[in-house]
Amino acid sequence: HFNLRAAAPPDLLARRHVIEVPERTDKNGREIEPVDVAALRARLKTIEAAGIDSLAVCLLNAYVAPGHEKEVAAVLAEVLPGRHISLSTELWPEIREYERAMVAVLNAYVQPVMSRYLRGLQHDAQAIGMHTKLYITQSNGGVMSASTAEDRPVRTLLSGPASGVVGAAYIARLCGVREAVTIDIGGTSADVSLIRDGEPVHSNEAKVGHYPLVMPSVDVFAGGAGGGSIAWFDPVGLLKVGPKSAGAVPGPACYGKGGTEPTVT
């Protein structure tokens, strides 16, 4: 907050690809100004040739009345067919437009990659004779269908650490333990969380890198010191660990497989 030379976090999308839509709904959900469809169509032409395959929509006060966002989505589907469309009101219909917009943008950002991955995973699973229904873990520790994960991949962004905490809570309950601290050490981080009264603690204040993710998630504190985290000296000679990792192939120097980086392992 006080560093005048601090670098701003990288943009997830270029500003030239952000389009303002003339419309307005008040805080009570009453329409003040209808969606200017003609203006929207004209402005979409500026990005028509940009190779964009995923779009996010977030309008002021839409969490009260989502009609305008749905109207914009219909125009997007008509003018730019075949693209992924993420509506903030379908993902997180809550007040605070910046956080709601970030949820939509993060969803749009990962949707093409996740969609291809999940479809490929289902295809490969069926090819080897697995015909059971595929479920994907959510950031809150629950599960959802693969088709839902394709539409709303933002729900999965913190699912890795969440799975470890849910597993730890289950083991703790089997042992008769209701209060516990869990730690899950992987290749790049050590994830610490709390179990209270037999259940994982949840939060709506998580972040993905620099970006807020105001969706329910298992409350995990991640320290950048996993088994593969590299030890290094900063410009003034202080010893640091992470966030870079030596990876698995050839891996840390101590593996004796050709790696040269000193790591926690």
Protein backbone atom coordinates (compact mmCIF):
# COMPACT_ATOMS: atom_id res chain seq x y z
CA HIS A 1 0.00 0.00 0.00
CA PHE A 2 2.90 2.36 0.68
CA ASN A 3 5.32 1.34 -2.10
CA LEU A 4 5.04 3.98 -4.83
CA ARG A 5 7.02 1.75 -7.20
CA ALA A 6 5.06 -1.44 -6.61
CA ALA A 7 4.21 -3.27 -9.81
CA ALA A 8 0.53 -3.71 -10.59
CA PRO A 9 -0.62 -7.31 -10.95
CA PRO A 10 -0.67 -8.52 -14.56
CA ASP A 11 -3.94 -8.01 -16.45
CA LEU A 12 -5.91 -11.16 -17.18
CA LEU A 13 -7.26 -9.48 -20.31
CA ALA A 14 -6.19 -6.50 -22.39
CA ARG A 15 -8.11 -3.26 -21.74
CA ARG A 16 -8.85 -2.95 -25.45
CA HIS A 17 -10.92 -6.12 -25.08
CA VAL A 18 -13.13 -4.63 -22.35
CA ILE A 19 -16.43 -3.30 -23.74
CA GLU A 20 -18.78 -0.98 -21.88
CA VAL A 21 -22.48 -1.61 -22.44
CA PRO A 22 -24.93 1.35 -22.19
CA GLU A 23 -27.55 0.14 -19.65
CA ARG A 24 -28.46 0.62 -16.03
CA THR A 25 -30.41 -1.09 -13.28
CA ASP A 26 -30.76 0.59 -9.89
CA LYS A 27 -29.92 -0.99 -6.53
CA ASN A 28 -33.50 -2.24 -6.16
CA GLY A 29 -33.48 -4.03 -9.51
CA ARG A 30 -35.58 -1.44 -11.37
CA GLU A 31 -34.55 -0.74 -14.96
CA ILE A 32 -33.28 2.83 -15.40
CA GLU A 33 -31.89 2.41 -18.90
CA PRO A 34 -32.46 -0.60 -21.18
CA VAL A 35 -29.57 -2.42 -22.82
CA ASP A 36 -28.49 -0.53 -25.96
CA VAL A 37 -28.31 -3.57 -28.21
CA ALA A 38 -27.29 -1.56 -31.28
CA ALA A 39 -24.32 -0.03 -29.43
CA LEU A 40 -23.34 -3.44 -28.08
CA ARG A 41 -23.36 -4.98 -31.57
CA ALA A 42 -21.24 -2.13 -32.91
CA ARG A 43 -18.68 -2.40 -30.13
CA LEU A 44 -18.43 -6.17 -30.46
CA LYS A 45 -17.14 -5.66 -34.00
CA THR A 46 -13.96 -4.20 -32.51
CA ILE A 47 -13.04 -7.59 -31.00
CA GLU A 48 -14.62 -9.83 -33.64
CA ALA A 49 -11.25 -10.48 -35.31
CA ALA A 50 -9.22 -10.71 -32.09
CA GLY A 51 -9.39 -14.50 -31.81
CA ILE A 52 -11.24 -14.39 -28.49
CA ASP A 53 -12.97 -17.66 -27.60
CA SER A 54 -14.22 -16.88 -24.09
CA LEU A 55 -16.28 -13.92 -22.83
CA ALA A 56 -17.25 -12.59 -19.39
CA VAL A 57 -20.25 -10.38 -18.56
CA CYS A 58 -20.64 -8.24 -15.43
CA LEU A 59 -23.12 -5.35 -15.12
CA LEU A 60 -23.81 -2.98 -12.23
CA ASN A 61 -26.54 -4.16 -9.82
CA ALA A 62 -27.15 -7.25 -11.94
CA TYR A 63 -26.99 -9.38 -8.79
CA VAL A 64 -30.45 -7.97 -7.93
CA ALA A 65 -31.92 -8.32 -11.44
CA PRO A 66 -29.93 -10.52 -13.84
CA GLY A 67 -32.13 -9.80 -16.87
CA HIS A 68 -29.70 -7.39 -18.55
CA GLU A 69 -26.81 -9.83 -18.29
CA LYS A 70 -28.90 -12.54 -19.90
CA GLU A 71 -29.90 -10.11 -22.67
CA VAL A 72 -26.23 -9.28 -23.30
CA ALA A 73 -25.36 -13.00 -23.34
CA ALA A 74 -28.00 -13.60 -26.02
CA VAL A 75 -26.44 -10.91 -28.20
CA LEU A 76 -22.95 -12.34 -27.64
CA ALA A 77 -24.12 -15.81 -28.64
CA GLU A 78 -25.63 -14.36 -31.83
CA VAL A 79 -22.77 -12.05 -32.87
CA LEU A 80 -19.90 -14.28 -31.69
CA PRO A 81 -21.28 -17.83 -31.93
CA GLY A 82 -19.40 -20.78 -30.49
CA ARG A 83 -17.69 -18.82 -27.71
CA HIS A 84 -17.77 -19.61 -24.00
CA ILE A 85 -19.85 -17.06 -22.07
CA SER A 86 -19.54 -16.50 -18.31
CA LEU A 87 -22.23 -14.45 -16.52
CA SER A 88 -21.32 -13.01 -13.13
CA THR A 89 -24.89 -13.46 -11.89
CA GLU A 90 -24.83 -17.19 -12.63
CA LEU A 91 -21.47 -17.68 -10.92
CA TRP A 92 -21.71 -15.41 -7.86
CA PRO A 93 -24.85 -13.20 -7.66
CA GLU A 94 -23.65 -11.01 -4.80
CA ILE A 95 -23.03 -7.31 -4.20
CA ARG A 96 -19.56 -5.75 -4.95
CA GLU A 97 -19.13 -5.54 -8.69
CA TYR A 98 -15.31 -5.72 -8.77
CA GLU A 99 -15.20 -9.07 -6.97
CA ARG A 100 -18.16 -10.33 -8.99
CA ALA A 101 -16.44 -9.25 -12.21
CA MET A 102 -13.24 -11.04 -11.19
CA VAL A 103 -15.16 -14.27 -10.63
CA ALA A 104 -16.59 -13.99 -14.15
CA VAL A 105 -13.21 -13.10 -15.69
CA LEU A 106 -11.39 -15.93 -13.90
CA ASN A 107 -14.08 -18.35 -15.05
CA ALA A 108 -13.77 -17.15 -18.65
CA TYR A 109 -9.98 -17.26 -18.41
CA VAL A 110 -9.75 -20.97 -17.56
CA GLN A 111 -12.92 -22.22 -19.26
CA PRO A 112 -11.48 -23.10 -22.71
CA VAL A 113 -8.58 -25.01 -21.13
CA MET A 114 -10.73 -26.85 -18.58
CA SER A 115 -13.38 -27.68 -21.16
CA ARG A 116 -10.83 -29.31 -23.47
CA TYR A 117 -9.18 -31.11 -20.58
CA LEU A 118 -12.39 -32.54 -19.11
CA ARG A 119 -13.72 -33.70 -22.46
CA GLY A 120 -10.40 -35.35 -23.22
CA LEU A 121 -10.36 -36.99 -19.78
CA GLN A 122 -13.85 -38.43 -20.27
CA HIS A 123 -12.95 -39.66 -23.76
CA ASP A 124 -9.76 -41.36 -22.53
CA ALA A 125 -11.55 -42.90 -19.55
CA GLN A 126 -14.23 -44.40 -21.78
CA ALA A 127 -11.57 -45.67 -24.18
CA ILE A 128 -10.10 -47.88 -21.44
CA GLY A 129 -13.53 -49.15 -20.34
CA MET A 130 -14.37 -46.73 -17.52
CA HIS A 131 -18.02 -45.73 -17.83
CA THR A 132 -18.70 -44.40 -14.35
CA LYS A 133 -19.82 -40.79 -13.98
CA LEU A 134 -16.95 -38.33 -13.58
CA TYR A 135 -17.06 -35.97 -10.61
CA ILE A 136 -14.75 -32.98 -10.07
CA THR A 137 -13.77 -31.58 -6.67
CA GLN A 138 -14.80 -28.00 -5.85
CA SER A 139 -12.90 -25.39 -3.84
CA ASN A 140 -15.42 -25.82 -0.99
CA GLY A 141 -14.54 -29.51 -0.68
CA GLY A 142 -17.68 -30.82 -2.40
CA VAL A 143 -17.98 -32.35 -5.86
CA MET A 144 -19.80 -31.53 -9.09
CA SER A 145 -20.39 -33.20 -12.42
CA ALA A 146 -17.88 -32.82 -15.24
CA SER A 147 -20.43 -30.87 -17.31
CA THR A 148 -20.92 -28.37 -14.46
CA ALA A 149 -17.15 -28.07 -14.09
CA GLU A 150 -16.94 -27.23 -17.81
CA ASP A 151 -19.41 -24.37 -17.35
CA ARG A 152 -18.12 -23.15 -13.98
CA PRO A 153 -14.43 -24.09 -13.68
CA VAL A 154 -13.84 -21.14 -11.33
CA ARG A 155 -15.33 -23.37 -8.63
CA THR A 156 -12.35 -25.73 -8.98
CA LEU A 157 -9.47 -23.23 -8.71
CA LEU A 158 -8.65 -24.07 -5.07
CA SER A 159 -9.85 -27.67 -5.16
CA GLY A 160 -6.43 -29.28 -4.75
CA PRO A 161 -5.73 -28.06 -1.20
CA ALA A 162 -9.42 -28.48 -0.34
CA SER A 163 -9.30 -32.20 -1.11
CA GLY A 164 -6.46 -32.73 1.35
CA VAL A 165 -8.33 -30.95 4.13
CA VAL A 166 -11.54 -32.90 3.51
CA GLY A 167 -9.56 -36.15 3.62
CA ALA A 168 -7.84 -35.08 6.84
CA ALA A 169 -11.20 -34.20 8.44
CA TYR A 170 -12.53 -37.64 7.55
CA ILE A 171 -9.52 -39.39 9.09
CA ALA A 172 -9.74 -37.17 12.17
CA ARG A 173 -13.40 -38.11 12.70
CA LEU A 174 -12.54 -41.81 12.42
CA CYS A 175 -9.98 -41.25 15.18
CA GLY A 176 -12.49 -39.38 17.36
CA VAL A 177 -10.67 -36.07 16.90
CA ARG A 178 -12.92 -33.01 16.48
CA GLU A 179 -10.31 -30.23 16.50
CA ALA A 180 -7.15 -30.49 14.40
CA VAL A 181 -4.53 -28.67 12.36
CA THR A 182 -3.77 -30.19 8.98
CA ILE A 183 -0.68 -29.83 6.82
CA ASP A 184 -0.36 -31.02 3.23
CA ILE A 185 3.15 -30.75 1.78
CA GLY A 186 3.42 -31.09 -1.98
CA GLY A 187 6.01 -30.13 -4.56
CA THR A 188 5.68 -26.35 -4.30
CA SER A 189 3.77 -25.49 -1.15
CA ALA A 190 2.84 -26.49 2.38
CA ASP A 191 -0.90 -26.06 2.89
CA VAL A 192 -2.12 -25.59 6.45
CA SER A 193 -5.77 -25.60 7.55
CA LEU A 194 -8.02 -26.04 10.58
CA ILE A 195 -10.60 -28.67 11.45
CA ARG A 196 -13.20 -27.34 13.88
CA ASP A 197 -15.90 -29.59 15.37
CA GLY A 198 -15.01 -32.25 12.82
CA GLU A 199 -15.46 -30.03 9.74
CA PRO A 200 -13.08 -27.96 7.58
CA VAL A 201 -13.20 -24.18 8.11
CA HIS A 202 -14.51 -22.24 5.09
CA SER A 203 -13.90 -18.70 3.84
CA ASN A 204 -15.19 -16.29 1.16
CA GLU A 205 -11.96 -14.27 1.11
CA ALA A 206 -9.58 -16.47 -0.85
CA LYS A 207 -7.25 -15.22 -3.57
CA VAL A 208 -5.81 -16.74 -6.72
CA GLY A 209 -2.49 -14.97 -7.07
CA HIS A 210 -3.34 -11.25 -6.90
CA TYR A 211 -7.04 -11.74 -7.68
CA PRO A 212 -9.91 -12.08 -5.17
CA LEU A 213 -12.02 -15.21 -5.35
CA VAL A 214 -15.10 -14.48 -3.23
CA MET A 215 -16.61 -17.94 -3.55
CA PRO A 216 -16.87 -20.45 -0.68
CA SER A 217 -13.63 -22.39 -0.31
CA VAL A 218 -11.87 -24.42 2.33
CA ASP A 219 -9.76 -21.91 4.28
CA VAL A 220 -6.16 -22.90 3.54
CA PHE A 221 -2.96 -20.99 4.27
CA ALA A 222 -0.34 -21.88 1.66
CA GLY A 223 3.35 -21.33 2.33
CA GLY A 224 5.72 -21.50 -0.64
CA ALA A 225 7.89 -24.28 0.81
CA GLY A 226 7.11 -27.66 -0.68
CA GLY A 227 9.45 -30.57 -1.21
CA GLY A 228 10.68 -29.24 -4.55
CA SER A 229 10.94 -25.57 -3.57
CA ILE A 230 14.35 -24.20 -4.50
CA ALA A 231 16.60 -22.50 -1.92
CA TRP A 232 18.29 -19.35 -3.25
CA PHE A 233 19.94 -16.09 -2.19
CA ASP A 234 18.31 -12.75 -2.98
CA PRO A 235 20.34 -9.72 -4.19
CA VAL A 236 21.24 -8.71 -0.61
CA GLY A 237 22.34 -12.20 0.37
CA LEU A 238 19.31 -13.42 2.33
CA LEU A 239 18.42 -17.10 2.04
CA LYS A 240 14.96 -17.62 0.52
CA VAL A 241 12.88 -20.70 -0.29
CA GLY A 242 10.47 -20.87 -3.25
CA PRO A 243 8.29 -20.07 -5.05
CA LYS A 244 10.22 -21.73 -7.91
CA SER A 245 10.35 -25.52 -7.90
CA ALA A 246 12.91 -28.02 -9.18
CA GLY A 247 10.08 -30.17 -10.52
CA ALA A 248 10.15 -33.96 -10.71
CA VAL A 249 12.37 -34.63 -13.75
CA PRO A 250 15.29 -34.64 -13.08
CA GLY A 251 14.16 -33.28 -9.72
CA PRO A 252 16.08 -31.96 -6.70
CA ALA A 253 19.86 -32.42 -6.52
CA CYS A 254 19.50 -34.93 -3.66
CA TYR A 255 17.68 -37.36 -5.96
CA GLY A 256 20.94 -38.00 -7.79
CA LYS A 257 19.12 -37.94 -11.15
CA GLY A 258 20.96 -35.02 -12.69
CA GLY A 259 19.17 -32.15 -10.96
CA THR A 260 21.39 -29.33 -9.69
CA GLU A 261 19.00 -27.21 -7.60
CA PRO A 262 19.11 -27.36 -3.78
CA THR A 263 15.61 -27.87 -2.41
CA VAL A 264 13.75 -28.43 0.86
CA THR A 265 13.81 -32.16 0.11
